[in-house]
């Protein structure tokens, strides 16, 4: 018969069930609480006074596991203990991810989701195996989005400059219309979630590209005949870029 192996998937948000709750401690630490009386009844002879005399299992995932590398040791730490909460015994386990800050210092941002996945590992030719736990974390999309946006804005500015220098109004109109689609979402402040040095640096990068784009659009506008479709498209793109730059700058100034 197959046996379900322990595992955990967390996106660092609060969740609650009938006898349990998942509590985010911070952006990289998650805590699970299990109310023992709720789960097994209040007549089991276990209370806040004697709970430390008992051992609990079923909540821990890494119990008796040893990390195979330093990277694995830094990626997650599991700590389990009893806690008296509202005068009721609570079994608690806490998982601290990315303890060395590798994602923050190397890539920038924080964690979006982490997985602890148990699996049974049987050596080739063997009949018995051991449980292994794979740990995977996905950094939040902030830095990826910011880097991609900054790169897109830089490329847009280059193609816009080429269109302006070629004096091709039709091409300039097409570039400006596409540019508005790229810039318009930034007006809602998509980079406002994180307050870290890395996040601020990425927002600054986007802001710099937006400022350069505003300058390029302003150079393109005077060369176009007023009220033409190309002029309207450039003016709209300019309005969008200015608004986006203002929004990103407000977020930067807030910290």
Protein backbone atom coordinates (compact mmCIF):
# COMPACT_ATOMS: atom_id res chain seq x y z
CA UNK A 1 0.00 0.00 0.00
CA UNK A 2 1.24 3.48 -0.76
CA UNK A 3 1.88 5.92 2.03
CA UNK A 4 1.42 9.65 1.73
CA UNK A 5 4.70 11.39 2.45
CA UNK A 6 4.80 14.64 4.41
CA UNK A 7 5.06 17.89 2.54
CA UNK A 8 4.42 21.61 2.72
CA UNK A 9 3.52 24.28 0.20
CA UNK A 10 3.41 27.86 1.45
CA UNK A 11 2.94 31.26 -0.13
CA UNK A 12 3.55 33.04 3.20
CA UNK A 13 -0.06 34.06 3.77
CA UNK A 14 -2.36 33.38 6.70
CA UNK A 15 -4.71 30.40 6.52
CA UNK A 16 -6.90 28.75 9.13
CA UNK A 17 -8.85 25.50 9.44
CA UNK A 18 -10.96 23.89 12.15
CA UNK A 19 -8.01 22.91 14.35
CA UNK A 20 -5.01 24.47 12.68
CA UNK A 21 -3.63 27.75 11.40
CA UNK A 22 -0.72 28.77 9.20
CA UNK A 23 0.83 32.03 10.32
CA UNK A 24 3.43 34.04 8.35
CA UNK A 25 6.08 35.38 10.72
CA UNK A 26 7.71 37.43 7.97
CA UNK A 27 8.35 37.17 4.24
CA UNK A 28 10.60 34.15 4.67
CA UNK A 29 9.24 32.38 7.74
CA UNK A 30 6.07 30.33 8.12
CA UNK A 31 4.57 28.82 11.27
CA UNK A 32 1.96 26.05 11.62
CA UNK A 33 -0.09 25.67 14.81
CA UNK A 34 -2.15 22.59 15.65
CA UNK A 35 -4.64 22.80 18.53
CA UNK A 36 -4.29 19.40 20.21
CA UNK A 37 -7.53 19.55 22.21
CA UNK A 38 -9.45 20.50 19.08
CA UNK A 39 -7.89 17.64 17.14
CA UNK A 40 -8.02 14.84 19.72
CA UNK A 41 -10.37 16.03 22.47
CA UNK A 42 -9.79 17.59 25.87
CA UNK A 43 -9.85 14.31 27.82
CA UNK A 44 -6.54 12.95 26.53
CA UNK A 45 -4.67 13.97 29.67
CA UNK A 46 -2.46 16.54 27.98
CA UNK A 47 -2.47 20.21 29.00
CA UNK A 48 -0.22 23.25 29.15
CA UNK A 49 1.33 22.08 32.44
CA UNK A 50 2.51 18.68 31.23
CA UNK A 51 2.70 19.04 27.44
CA UNK A 52 6.51 19.14 27.38
CA UNK A 53 6.53 15.61 28.81
CA UNK A 54 5.02 14.39 25.54
CA UNK A 55 6.44 14.15 22.06
CA UNK A 56 4.36 15.03 19.03
CA UNK A 57 4.82 14.01 15.43
CA UNK A 58 2.91 14.34 12.18
CA UNK A 59 3.53 18.06 11.91
CA UNK A 60 7.29 18.09 11.37
CA UNK A 61 8.56 17.42 7.86
CA UNK A 62 12.34 17.43 8.34
CA UNK A 63 12.42 15.39 11.54
CA UNK A 64 15.53 13.18 11.60
CA UNK A 65 16.60 14.66 8.26
CA UNK A 66 20.08 16.08 7.73
CA UNK A 67 20.93 18.60 4.99
CA UNK A 68 23.28 17.20 2.36
CA UNK A 69 24.88 20.57 1.53
CA UNK A 70 25.41 23.94 3.16
CA UNK A 71 23.08 25.44 0.59
CA UNK A 72 20.35 23.04 1.70
CA UNK A 73 21.01 23.95 5.34
CA UNK A 74 20.68 27.66 4.53
CA UNK A 75 17.56 27.15 2.45
CA UNK A 76 15.33 25.91 5.28
CA UNK A 77 15.43 25.41 9.04
CA UNK A 78 12.65 23.54 10.83
CA UNK A 79 11.95 24.15 14.52
CA UNK A 80 9.14 22.39 16.39
CA UNK A 81 8.00 22.92 19.97
CA UNK A 82 5.02 23.06 22.27
CA UNK A 83 3.22 26.34 22.79
CA UNK A 84 0.48 27.21 25.27
CA UNK A 85 -2.05 29.35 23.42
CA UNK A 86 -5.25 30.53 25.08
CA UNK A 87 -4.50 28.01 27.85
CA UNK A 88 -4.58 25.16 25.33
CA UNK A 89 -1.63 22.96 24.23
CA UNK A 90 -0.60 23.74 20.68
CA UNK A 91 1.91 21.77 18.61
CA UNK A 92 3.92 24.27 16.58
CA UNK A 93 6.44 23.92 13.78
CA UNK A 94 8.19 26.82 12.12
CA UNK A 95 10.07 26.85 8.83
CA UNK A 96 12.61 29.59 8.10
CA UNK A 97 13.57 29.77 4.43
CA UNK A 98 16.55 31.41 2.73
CA UNK A 99 18.22 32.04 6.08
CA UNK A 100 21.44 33.35 4.51
CA UNK A 101 19.49 35.76 2.31
CA UNK A 102 20.80 34.28 -0.92
CA UNK A 103 17.70 35.21 -2.90
CA UNK A 104 17.71 38.75 -1.55
CA UNK A 105 21.41 39.48 -1.90
CA UNK A 106 22.04 37.62 -5.15
CA UNK A 107 18.83 38.13 -7.10
CA UNK A 108 16.82 40.73 -5.24
CA UNK A 109 13.30 40.49 -3.93
CA UNK A 110 11.69 38.06 -1.54
CA UNK A 111 10.00 34.66 -1.73
CA UNK A 112 6.70 34.04 -3.46
CA UNK A 113 6.28 30.36 -2.62
CA UNK A 114 8.22 27.44 -1.15
CA UNK A 115 7.72 23.69 -1.38
CA UNK A 116 8.92 20.88 0.88
CA UNK A 117 8.21 17.64 -0.95
CA UNK A 118 8.85 14.24 0.60
CA UNK A 119 9.73 11.29 -1.60
CA UNK A 120 10.87 7.73 -1.09
CA UNK A 121 14.38 7.05 -2.38
CA UNK A 122 15.31 3.40 -3.02
CA UNK A 123 18.87 2.58 -4.16
CA UNK A 124 19.21 0.68 -7.42
CA UNK A 125 18.72 -3.01 -6.73
CA UNK A 126 17.58 -2.35 -3.17
CA UNK A 127 14.35 -3.32 -1.49
CA UNK A 128 14.22 -0.68 1.23
CA UNK A 129 14.65 3.03 0.99
CA UNK A 130 14.66 6.26 2.91
CA UNK A 131 12.52 9.34 2.78
CA UNK A 132 14.17 12.37 1.23
CA UNK A 133 12.75 15.88 1.25
CA UNK A 134 13.29 18.24 -1.65
CA UNK A 135 13.11 21.94 -0.85
CA UNK A 136 12.39 24.46 -3.59
CA UNK A 137 11.66 28.19 -3.32
CA UNK A 138 10.41 30.56 -6.00
CA UNK A 139 11.46 34.18 -5.58
CA UNK A 140 8.74 36.75 -6.01
CA UNK A 141 8.33 38.06 -9.55
CA UNK A 142 9.21 41.63 -8.52
CA UNK A 143 12.81 41.63 -9.68
CA UNK A 144 12.11 39.53 -12.78
CA UNK A 145 9.28 41.86 -13.75
CA UNK A 146 11.33 44.96 -13.01
CA UNK A 147 14.33 43.71 -14.95
CA UNK A 148 12.17 42.70 -17.90
CA UNK A 149 10.33 46.02 -17.81
CA UNK A 150 13.54 48.05 -17.69
CA UNK A 151 14.95 46.03 -20.58
CA UNK A 152 11.75 46.47 -22.60
CA UNK A 153 11.72 50.21 -21.95
CA UNK A 154 15.35 50.52 -23.05
CA UNK A 155 14.62 48.62 -26.26
CA UNK A 156 11.50 50.74 -26.86
CA UNK A 157 13.54 53.91 -26.49
CA UNK A 158 16.07 52.64 -29.06
CA UNK A 159 13.43 51.73 -31.63
CA UNK A 160 11.65 55.03 -31.02
CA UNK A 161 14.90 56.91 -31.63
CA UNK A 162 15.46 54.97 -34.87
CA UNK A 163 11.94 55.82 -36.03
CA UNK A 164 12.42 59.49 -35.15
CA UNK A 165 15.75 59.71 -36.99
CA UNK A 166 14.27 58.00 -40.05
CA UNK A 167 11.55 60.70 -40.15
CA UNK A 168 9.01 57.99 -40.87
CA UNK A 169 5.76 59.16 -39.29
CA UNK A 170 3.94 55.86 -39.87
CA UNK A 171 6.67 53.88 -38.14
CA UNK A 172 6.82 56.44 -35.35
CA UNK A 173 3.06 56.15 -34.84
CA UNK A 174 3.28 52.36 -34.63
CA UNK A 175 6.15 52.49 -32.14
CA UNK A 176 4.33 55.04 -29.97
CA UNK A 177 1.12 52.98 -29.95
CA UNK A 178 3.03 49.86 -28.89
CA UNK A 179 4.89 51.88 -26.30
CA UNK A 180 1.65 53.00 -24.66
CA UNK A 181 0.66 49.36 -24.16
CA UNK A 182 3.99 48.69 -22.44
CA UNK A 183 3.99 51.76 -20.21
CA UNK A 184 0.32 52.07 -19.26
CA UNK A 185 0.35 49.21 -16.64
CA UNK A 186 3.12 50.98 -14.74
CA UNK A 187 0.70 53.80 -13.91
CA UNK A 188 -0.91 51.61 -11.24
CA UNK A 189 2.36 51.15 -9.34
CA UNK A 190 3.13 47.48 -9.88
CA UNK A 191 6.44 47.78 -8.02
CA UNK A 192 5.08 49.04 -4.73
CA UNK A 193 5.06 45.79 -2.72
CA UNK A 194 8.61 45.45 -1.43
CA UNK A 195 10.62 47.78 0.77
CA UNK A 196 14.12 46.36 0.45
CA UNK A 197 17.32 47.87 -0.89
CA UNK A 198 17.15 45.54 -3.88
CA UNK A 199 13.53 46.42 -4.64
CA UNK A 200 14.27 50.12 -4.44
CA UNK A 201 17.24 49.69 -6.79
CA UNK A 202 15.06 47.89 -9.32
CA UNK A 203 12.37 50.56 -9.15
CA UNK A 204 15.10 53.15 -9.63
CA UNK A 205 16.23 51.27 -12.73
CA UNK A 206 12.71 51.36 -14.16
CA UNK A 207 12.39 55.05 -13.25
CA UNK A 208 15.64 55.89 -15.07
CA UNK A 209 14.46 54.11 -18.22
CA UNK A 210 11.11 55.89 -18.03
CA UNK A 211 12.84 59.26 -17.67
CA UNK A 212 14.98 58.54 -20.74
CA UNK A 213 11.88 57.47 -22.64
CA UNK A 214 10.05 60.69 -21.73
CA UNK A 215 13.02 62.65 -23.05
CA UNK A 216 13.01 60.69 -26.33
CA UNK A 217 9.26 61.18 -26.80
CA UNK A 218 9.62 64.91 -26.23
CA UNK A 219 12.27 65.05 -28.95
CA UNK A 220 9.97 63.18 -31.33
CA UNK A 221 6.90 65.34 -30.81
CA UNK A 222 8.05 68.67 -32.36
CA UNK A 223 8.95 66.97 -35.63
CA UNK A 224 5.39 65.81 -36.25
CA UNK A 225 2.57 67.74 -37.88
CA UNK A 226 0.00 68.74 -35.30
CA UNK A 227 -3.18 66.69 -34.98
CA UNK A 228 -1.95 63.88 -37.19
CA UNK A 229 -2.39 60.31 -36.03
CA UNK A 230 1.35 60.02 -35.42
CA UNK A 231 1.37 63.18 -33.29
CA UNK A 232 -1.63 61.94 -31.29
CA UNK A 233 0.04 58.57 -30.71
CA UNK A 234 3.28 60.18 -29.57
CA UNK A 235 1.44 62.60 -27.26
CA UNK A 236 -0.50 59.71 -25.73
CA UNK A 237 2.67 57.69 -25.22
CA UNK A 238 4.29 60.74 -23.64
CA UNK A 239 1.35 61.19 -21.25
CA UNK A 240 1.52 57.51 -20.28
CA UNK A 241 5.28 57.63 -19.76
CA UNK A 242 5.10 60.79 -17.63
CA UNK A 243 2.29 59.30 -15.51
CA UNK A 244 4.20 56.04 -15.07
CA UNK A 245 7.39 57.88 -14.12
CA UNK A 246 5.43 59.94 -11.59
CA UNK A 247 3.91 56.80 -10.06
CA UNK A 248 7.20 54.94 -9.76
CA UNK A 249 8.86 58.08 -8.35
CA UNK A 250 6.13 58.40 -5.71
CA UNK A 251 6.79 54.83 -4.61
CA UNK A 252 10.52 55.54 -4.42
CA UNK A 253 9.98 58.74 -2.44
CA UNK A 254 7.74 56.92 0.03
CA UNK A 255 10.64 54.90 1.44
